[in-house]
Amino acid sequence: MDKFLQIVGALICLVALSLMLFILSASQERGDGVTLLLGMLPFGIPSIIGGAVLAAFGSILEQLKAIRKATEQQAEVLMDNRSSS
């Protein structure tokens, strides 16, 4: 689940940014690029931030898995030491 969220979040950011840049470059020929960019910002910025949040949450899940694994290993070592003494 963690890698999936990281990939989906990165794809959302990449697609949103590339669409904004593509539309902006296409509209520069007509001369209304700034107006179109201002119209895209209320929808584009939240999608980019949402993708970054998804990717960050996937990274947090990955770190939590590593912490849980280390905690379980530490508990095993402590139980082995307790039973051998």
N, C-alpha and C. Protein backbone atom coordinates (compact mmCIF):
# COMPACT_ATOMS: atom_id res chain seq x y z
N MET A 1 0.82 -1.19 0.00
CA MET A 1 0.00 0.00 0.00
C MET A 1 0.86 1.26 0.00
N ASP A 2 2.01 1.19 0.67
CA ASP A 2 2.85 2.38 0.76
C ASP A 2 3.44 2.75 -0.60
N LYS A 3 3.96 1.79 -1.32
CA LYS A 3 4.51 2.07 -2.65
C LYS A 3 3.42 2.54 -3.62
N PHE A 4 2.24 1.94 -3.50
CA PHE A 4 1.12 2.32 -4.35
C PHE A 4 0.77 3.79 -4.14
N LEU A 5 0.68 4.22 -2.88
CA LEU A 5 0.35 5.61 -2.59
C LEU A 5 1.45 6.55 -3.08
N GLN A 6 2.70 6.14 -2.95
CA GLN A 6 3.79 6.98 -3.43
C GLN A 6 3.72 7.13 -4.95
N ILE A 7 3.45 6.04 -5.64
CA ILE A 7 3.39 6.09 -7.10
C ILE A 7 2.19 6.90 -7.57
N VAL A 8 1.02 6.67 -6.96
CA VAL A 8 -0.18 7.41 -7.35
C VAL A 8 0.00 8.90 -7.06
N GLY A 9 0.55 9.24 -5.90
CA GLY A 9 0.77 10.65 -5.58
C GLY A 9 1.72 11.32 -6.54
N ALA A 10 2.79 10.62 -6.89
CA ALA A 10 3.75 11.19 -7.85
C ALA A 10 3.11 11.34 -9.23
N LEU A 11 2.30 10.37 -9.64
CA LEU A 11 1.63 10.47 -10.94
C LEU A 11 0.64 11.63 -10.98
N ILE A 12 -0.09 11.82 -9.89
CA ILE A 12 -1.05 12.93 -9.84
C ILE A 12 -0.31 14.26 -9.99
N CYS A 13 0.78 14.41 -9.25
CA CYS A 13 1.57 15.65 -9.35
C CYS A 13 2.11 15.83 -10.76
N LEU A 14 2.66 14.77 -11.31
CA LEU A 14 3.25 14.85 -12.64
C LEU A 14 2.22 15.18 -13.71
N VAL A 15 1.08 14.53 -13.66
CA VAL A 15 0.04 14.76 -14.66
C VAL A 15 -0.52 16.18 -14.52
N ALA A 16 -0.77 16.62 -13.30
CA ALA A 16 -1.32 17.96 -13.11
C ALA A 16 -0.34 19.03 -13.59
N LEU A 17 0.92 18.88 -13.24
CA LEU A 17 1.91 19.86 -13.69
C LEU A 17 2.09 19.85 -15.20
N SER A 18 2.14 18.65 -15.77
CA SER A 18 2.34 18.58 -17.22
C SER A 18 1.13 19.13 -17.98
N LEU A 19 -0.08 18.87 -17.48
CA LEU A 19 -1.26 19.43 -18.14
C LEU A 19 -1.28 20.95 -18.04
N MET A 20 -0.91 21.47 -16.87
CA MET A 20 -0.88 22.92 -16.72
C MET A 20 0.14 23.54 -17.66
N LEU A 21 1.31 22.93 -17.75
CA LEU A 21 2.34 23.46 -18.64
C LEU A 21 1.96 23.32 -20.11
N PHE A 22 1.33 22.21 -20.46
CA PHE A 22 0.90 22.01 -21.84
C PHE A 22 -0.15 23.03 -22.25
N ILE A 23 -1.14 23.22 -21.40
CA ILE A 23 -2.19 24.19 -21.70
C ILE A 23 -1.63 25.60 -21.75
N LEU A 24 -0.71 25.90 -20.84
CA LEU A 24 -0.10 27.24 -20.83
C LEU A 24 0.72 27.48 -22.09
N SER A 25 1.49 26.48 -22.51
CA SER A 25 2.30 26.67 -23.72
C SER A 25 1.42 26.77 -24.97
N ALA A 26 0.32 26.05 -24.99
CA ALA A 26 -0.58 26.12 -26.14
C ALA A 26 -1.30 27.46 -26.19
N SER A 27 -1.59 28.03 -25.03
CA SER A 27 -2.33 29.29 -25.02
C SER A 27 -1.42 30.50 -25.22
N GLN A 28 -0.11 30.33 -25.12
CA GLN A 28 0.82 31.44 -25.33
C GLN A 28 0.75 31.94 -26.77
N GLU A 29 0.42 31.06 -27.69
CA GLU A 29 0.32 31.46 -29.09
C GLU A 29 -0.83 32.45 -29.32
N ARG A 30 -1.91 32.28 -28.54
CA ARG A 30 -3.06 33.17 -28.69
C ARG A 30 -2.90 34.43 -27.84
N GLY A 31 -2.02 34.41 -26.86
CA GLY A 31 -1.79 35.59 -26.04
C GLY A 31 -2.61 35.66 -24.77
N ASP A 32 -3.35 34.62 -24.44
CA ASP A 32 -4.15 34.65 -23.21
C ASP A 32 -3.61 33.67 -22.16
N GLY A 33 -2.31 33.48 -22.13
CA GLY A 33 -1.69 32.51 -21.23
C GLY A 33 -1.83 32.86 -19.77
N VAL A 34 -1.66 34.14 -19.43
CA VAL A 34 -1.73 34.55 -18.03
C VAL A 34 -3.15 34.40 -17.50
N THR A 35 -4.13 34.77 -18.29
CA THR A 35 -5.52 34.64 -17.88
C THR A 35 -5.88 33.17 -17.68
N LEU A 36 -5.45 32.34 -18.56
CA LEU A 36 -5.73 30.91 -18.45
C LEU A 36 -5.01 30.31 -17.26
N LEU A 37 -3.78 30.73 -17.01
CA LEU A 37 -3.04 30.23 -15.85
C LEU A 37 -3.75 30.61 -14.56
N LEU A 38 -4.22 31.83 -14.46
CA LEU A 38 -4.96 32.25 -13.26
C LEU A 38 -6.26 31.47 -13.10
N GLY A 39 -6.86 31.08 -14.20
CA GLY A 39 -8.07 30.26 -14.14
C GLY A 39 -7.79 28.83 -13.73
N MET A 40 -6.59 28.34 -14.05
CA MET A 40 -6.24 26.95 -13.71
C MET A 40 -5.77 26.80 -12.26
N LEU A 41 -5.24 27.85 -11.67
CA LEU A 41 -4.64 27.75 -10.34
C LEU A 41 -5.59 27.22 -9.26
N PRO A 42 -6.85 27.65 -9.20
CA PRO A 42 -7.73 27.13 -8.14
C PRO A 42 -7.96 25.62 -8.22
N PHE A 43 -7.79 25.05 -9.42
CA PHE A 43 -7.99 23.61 -9.57
C PHE A 43 -6.66 22.85 -9.64
N GLY A 44 -5.65 23.47 -10.19
CA GLY A 44 -4.37 22.80 -10.37
C GLY A 44 -3.55 22.70 -9.10
N ILE A 45 -3.49 23.77 -8.33
CA ILE A 45 -2.68 23.76 -7.11
C ILE A 45 -3.20 22.74 -6.08
N PRO A 46 -4.51 22.66 -5.81
CA PRO A 46 -4.98 21.63 -4.87
C PRO A 46 -4.69 20.20 -5.33
N SER A 47 -4.75 19.95 -6.64
CA SER A 47 -4.46 18.60 -7.11
C SER A 47 -2.98 18.27 -6.95
N ILE A 48 -2.11 19.25 -7.17
CA ILE A 48 -0.68 19.03 -6.98
C ILE A 48 -0.38 18.80 -5.50
N ILE A 49 -0.98 19.61 -4.64
CA ILE A 49 -0.77 19.44 -3.19
C ILE A 49 -1.35 18.11 -2.73
N GLY A 50 -2.51 17.72 -3.25
CA GLY A 50 -3.10 16.43 -2.88
C GLY A 50 -2.23 15.26 -3.29
N GLY A 51 -1.63 15.34 -4.47
CA GLY A 51 -0.71 14.29 -4.90
C GLY A 51 0.51 14.21 -4.01
N ALA A 52 1.03 15.37 -3.62
CA ALA A 52 2.19 15.39 -2.73
C ALA A 52 1.84 14.82 -1.36
N VAL A 53 0.64 15.10 -0.88
CA VAL A 53 0.19 14.56 0.41
C VAL A 53 0.06 13.04 0.33
N LEU A 54 -0.48 12.53 -0.77
CA LEU A 54 -0.58 11.08 -0.95
C LEU A 54 0.80 10.42 -0.95
N ALA A 55 1.73 11.02 -1.68
CA ALA A 55 3.08 10.47 -1.72
C ALA A 55 3.74 10.52 -0.35
N ALA A 56 3.53 11.60 0.38
CA ALA A 56 4.10 11.71 1.72
C ALA A 56 3.48 10.68 2.67
N PHE A 57 2.17 10.46 2.55
CA PHE A 57 1.52 9.46 3.39
C PHE A 57 2.04 8.06 3.09
N GLY A 58 2.30 7.78 1.82
CA GLY A 58 2.90 6.49 1.47
C GLY A 58 4.28 6.34 2.07
N SER A 59 5.04 7.41 2.08
CA SER A 59 6.38 7.38 2.69
C SER A 59 6.28 7.16 4.20
N ILE A 60 5.31 7.79 4.83
CA ILE A 60 5.11 7.60 6.27
C ILE A 60 4.74 6.15 6.57
N LEU A 61 3.88 5.57 5.74
CA LEU A 61 3.51 4.16 5.94
C LEU A 61 4.73 3.25 5.82
N GLU A 62 5.60 3.56 4.87
CA GLU A 62 6.82 2.77 4.71
C GLU A 62 7.70 2.85 5.96
N GLN A 63 7.82 4.05 6.52
CA GLN A 63 8.62 4.22 7.72
C GLN A 63 7.98 3.51 8.92
N LEU A 64 6.66 3.55 9.01
CA LEU A 64 5.98 2.86 10.10
C LEU A 64 6.15 1.35 10.02
N LYS A 65 6.17 0.81 8.80
CA LYS A 65 6.43 -0.62 8.64
C LYS A 65 7.83 -0.97 9.14
N ALA A 66 8.80 -0.13 8.82
CA ALA A 66 10.18 -0.38 9.26
C ALA A 66 10.28 -0.28 10.78
N ILE A 67 9.59 0.66 11.37
CA ILE A 67 9.61 0.80 12.84
C ILE A 67 8.97 -0.42 13.49
N ARG A 68 7.84 -0.87 12.94
CA ARG A 68 7.18 -2.04 13.52
C ARG A 68 8.05 -3.28 13.42
N LYS A 69 8.72 -3.45 12.29
CA LYS A 69 9.60 -4.60 12.10
C LYS A 69 10.76 -4.56 13.10
N ALA A 70 11.35 -3.37 13.29
CA ALA A 70 12.46 -3.24 14.24
C ALA A 70 11.98 -3.48 15.66
N THR A 71 10.79 -3.03 15.99
CA THR A 71 10.25 -3.25 17.33
C THR A 71 10.00 -4.73 17.58
N GLU A 72 9.48 -5.43 16.59
CA GLU A 72 9.24 -6.87 16.75
C GLU A 72 10.56 -7.63 16.91
N GLN A 73 11.58 -7.24 16.15
CA GLN A 73 12.89 -7.88 16.30
C GLN A 73 13.48 -7.61 17.67
N GLN A 74 13.32 -6.40 18.15
CA GLN A 74 13.83 -6.06 19.48
C GLN A 74 13.09 -6.85 20.55
N ALA A 75 11.80 -7.03 20.41
CA ALA A 75 11.03 -7.80 21.37
C ALA A 75 11.47 -9.26 21.37
N GLU A 76 11.76 -9.81 20.18
CA GLU A 76 12.25 -11.19 20.10
C GLU A 76 13.59 -11.34 20.81
N VAL A 77 14.48 -10.40 20.59
CA VAL A 77 15.80 -10.46 21.23
C VAL A 77 15.65 -10.38 22.74
N LEU A 78 14.80 -9.49 23.22
CA LEU A 78 14.60 -9.35 24.67
C LEU A 78 13.97 -10.60 25.26
N MET A 79 13.03 -11.22 24.54
CA MET A 79 12.40 -12.45 25.04
C MET A 79 13.41 -13.60 25.05
N ASP A 80 14.29 -13.66 24.05
CA ASP A 80 15.33 -14.70 24.03
C ASP A 80 16.30 -14.52 25.18
N ASN A 81 16.68 -13.28 25.46
CA ASN A 81 17.59 -13.01 26.56
C ASN A 81 16.94 -13.33 27.89
N ARG A 82 15.66 -13.06 28.04
CA ARG A 82 14.95 -13.32 29.28
C ARG A 82 14.81 -14.83 29.51
N SER A 83 14.53 -15.59 28.46
CA SER A 83 14.33 -17.02 28.63
C SER A 83 15.67 -17.76 28.82
N SER A 84 16.77 -17.23 28.31
CA SER A 84 18.06 -17.91 28.46
C SER A 84 18.69 -17.64 29.83
N SER A 85 18.26 -16.61 30.53
CA SER A 85 18.86 -16.34 31.84
C SER A 85 18.06 -16.86 32.98
